[in-house]
Amino acid sequence: MKRLILAASLMLVGSTAFAQQSVAFVEPADGATVSSPFKVKFAVTGMNIKPAGDMTENTGHHHLLINAKPVKEGDVVPADDTHIHFGKGQTETEVKLAPGTYKLSMQFANGLHQSYGPGMSKDITITVK
């Protein structure tokens, strides 16, 4: 009986210790038509947001990629007009884009801006009118 209780306890600890890690766009929704400027809100599950430079395990910050290729796991997210960094730990911003259709990608990365890869990335497509 004690072995069964111990095994059940270890299973419970194991399932909560390794929570599912993911990112999501709170807004805009995939397929949305928006007016510029528009608000972008980010969410993360299973990790904590920390500013750039903080290398605490299971932490990082958001990056917004606009019509840019994904960043491979371990590679540094570039800093330019199509790779916007939120190194202070921001979870929302206002974006100005010309009319057109855009692929927005959210990439979560560690304190050194090294990508966590496709498991911590999310793509949506929007239309700016």
Protein backbone atom coordinates (compact mmCIF):
# COMPACT_ATOMS: atom_id res chain seq x y z
CA MET A 1 0.00 0.00 0.00
CA LYS A 2 2.83 2.44 0.87
CA ARG A 3 4.47 1.77 -2.51
CA LEU A 4 1.22 2.54 -4.32
CA ILE A 5 0.78 5.86 -2.45
CA LEU A 6 4.42 6.79 -3.12
CA ALA A 7 4.07 5.95 -6.82
CA ALA A 8 0.87 8.03 -7.06
CA SER A 9 2.58 10.94 -5.29
CA LEU A 10 5.55 10.82 -7.64
CA MET A 11 3.24 10.76 -10.66
CA LEU A 12 1.40 13.84 -9.35
CA VAL A 13 4.63 15.71 -8.66
CA GLY A 14 5.95 14.75 -12.11
CA SER A 15 2.85 15.97 -13.91
CA THR A 16 2.85 19.36 -12.19
CA ALA A 17 6.61 19.87 -12.32
CA PHE A 18 6.64 19.76 -16.10
CA ALA A 19 3.76 22.06 -17.05
CA GLN A 20 3.08 22.49 -20.75
CA GLN A 21 5.09 25.42 -22.10
CA SER A 22 3.59 27.56 -24.86
CA VAL A 23 3.02 31.08 -26.12
CA ALA A 24 -0.11 32.62 -27.60
CA PHE A 25 -1.44 35.84 -29.06
CA VAL A 26 -4.17 37.23 -26.82
CA GLU A 27 -4.90 39.75 -29.58
CA PRO A 28 -5.25 40.14 -32.46
CA ALA A 29 -6.86 36.85 -33.39
CA ASP A 30 -5.55 34.77 -36.27
CA GLY A 31 -7.24 35.98 -39.46
CA ALA A 32 -8.27 39.33 -37.95
CA THR A 33 -8.63 42.51 -39.99
CA VAL A 34 -7.27 45.47 -38.03
CA SER A 35 -6.73 49.21 -38.42
CA SER A 36 -3.27 50.62 -37.89
CA PRO A 37 -2.08 51.19 -35.25
CA PHE A 38 -3.35 48.05 -33.50
CA LYS A 39 -2.69 46.42 -30.15
CA VAL A 40 -0.74 43.16 -29.85
CA LYS A 41 -0.93 41.22 -26.57
CA PHE A 42 1.26 38.21 -25.75
CA ALA A 43 0.78 35.32 -23.32
CA VAL A 44 3.10 32.59 -22.06
CA THR A 45 2.28 29.39 -20.17
CA GLY A 46 4.68 27.23 -18.19
CA MET A 47 7.46 29.83 -18.07
CA ASN A 48 7.95 33.20 -16.40
CA ILE A 49 8.68 36.53 -18.04
CA LYS A 50 11.97 38.14 -17.07
CA PRO A 51 13.86 41.02 -18.70
CA ALA A 52 16.76 40.58 -21.08
CA GLY A 53 19.94 39.65 -19.24
CA ASP A 54 18.14 37.49 -16.65
CA MET A 55 19.15 33.87 -17.26
CA THR A 56 16.95 32.26 -14.59
CA GLU A 57 15.86 28.80 -15.75
CA ASN A 58 12.42 28.60 -17.43
CA THR A 59 12.24 32.35 -18.05
CA GLY A 60 12.50 34.68 -21.02
CA HIS A 61 10.81 37.46 -22.91
CA HIS A 62 8.80 37.99 -26.09
CA HIS A 63 9.92 38.97 -29.59
CA LEU A 64 7.54 39.93 -32.40
CA LEU A 65 8.59 38.92 -35.91
CA ILE A 66 6.85 40.59 -38.85
CA ASN A 67 6.95 38.61 -42.11
CA ALA A 68 10.21 37.07 -40.89
CA LYS A 69 11.53 33.52 -40.97
CA PRO A 70 11.43 31.53 -37.72
CA VAL A 71 14.48 31.67 -35.46
CA LYS A 72 16.04 28.27 -34.80
CA GLU A 73 16.33 27.03 -31.24
CA GLY A 74 19.48 28.44 -29.65
CA ASP A 75 19.99 31.15 -32.31
CA VAL A 76 19.88 34.79 -31.23
CA VAL A 77 16.81 36.72 -32.38
CA PRO A 78 18.05 39.59 -34.59
CA ALA A 79 17.24 43.19 -33.65
CA ASP A 80 15.85 45.08 -36.65
CA ASP A 81 12.59 46.44 -38.08
CA THR A 82 11.13 42.94 -38.54
CA HIS A 83 12.35 41.48 -35.21
CA ILE A 84 11.01 43.59 -32.36
CA HIS A 85 12.40 42.85 -28.88
CA PHE A 86 10.47 43.21 -25.63
CA GLY A 87 13.49 42.91 -23.37
CA LYS A 88 11.92 44.77 -20.46
CA GLY A 89 9.38 41.97 -20.11
CA GLN A 90 6.50 43.75 -21.86
CA THR A 91 3.43 41.68 -22.70
CA GLU A 92 1.72 44.12 -25.07
CA THR A 93 2.51 46.81 -27.60
CA GLU A 94 1.00 48.97 -30.31
CA VAL A 95 2.08 48.23 -33.88
CA LYS A 96 1.85 50.48 -36.94
CA LEU A 97 1.85 48.75 -40.33
CA ALA A 98 0.87 49.84 -43.83
CA PRO A 99 -2.22 48.21 -45.37
CA GLY A 100 -1.63 44.62 -46.40
CA THR A 101 -1.50 41.04 -45.17
CA TYR A 102 1.14 40.10 -42.61
CA LYS A 103 2.43 37.03 -40.84
CA LEU A 104 3.10 37.88 -37.19
CA SER A 105 5.25 35.45 -35.24
CA MET A 106 5.78 35.56 -31.51
CA GLN A 107 9.10 34.07 -30.44
CA PHE A 108 9.96 33.51 -26.79
CA ALA A 109 13.67 33.61 -25.99
CA ASN A 110 15.96 33.53 -22.97
CA GLY A 111 17.77 36.45 -21.35
CA LEU A 112 20.43 36.40 -24.07
CA HIS A 113 17.73 36.55 -26.81
CA GLN A 114 18.41 32.91 -27.75
CA SER A 115 15.28 31.38 -29.24
CA TYR A 116 13.52 28.55 -27.44
CA GLY A 117 12.57 27.28 -30.91
CA PRO A 118 9.29 26.25 -32.52
CA GLY A 119 7.74 24.98 -29.29
CA MET A 120 7.78 28.54 -27.92
CA SER A 121 6.68 30.28 -31.10
CA LYS A 122 3.24 31.11 -32.48
CA ASP A 123 2.23 32.44 -35.93
CA ILE A 124 -0.89 34.31 -36.96
CA THR A 125 -1.91 36.06 -40.15
CA ILE A 126 -3.62 39.46 -40.07
CA THR A 127 -4.84 41.99 -42.60
CA VAL A 128 -4.27 45.69 -42.02
CA LYS A 129 -6.89 47.82 -43.77
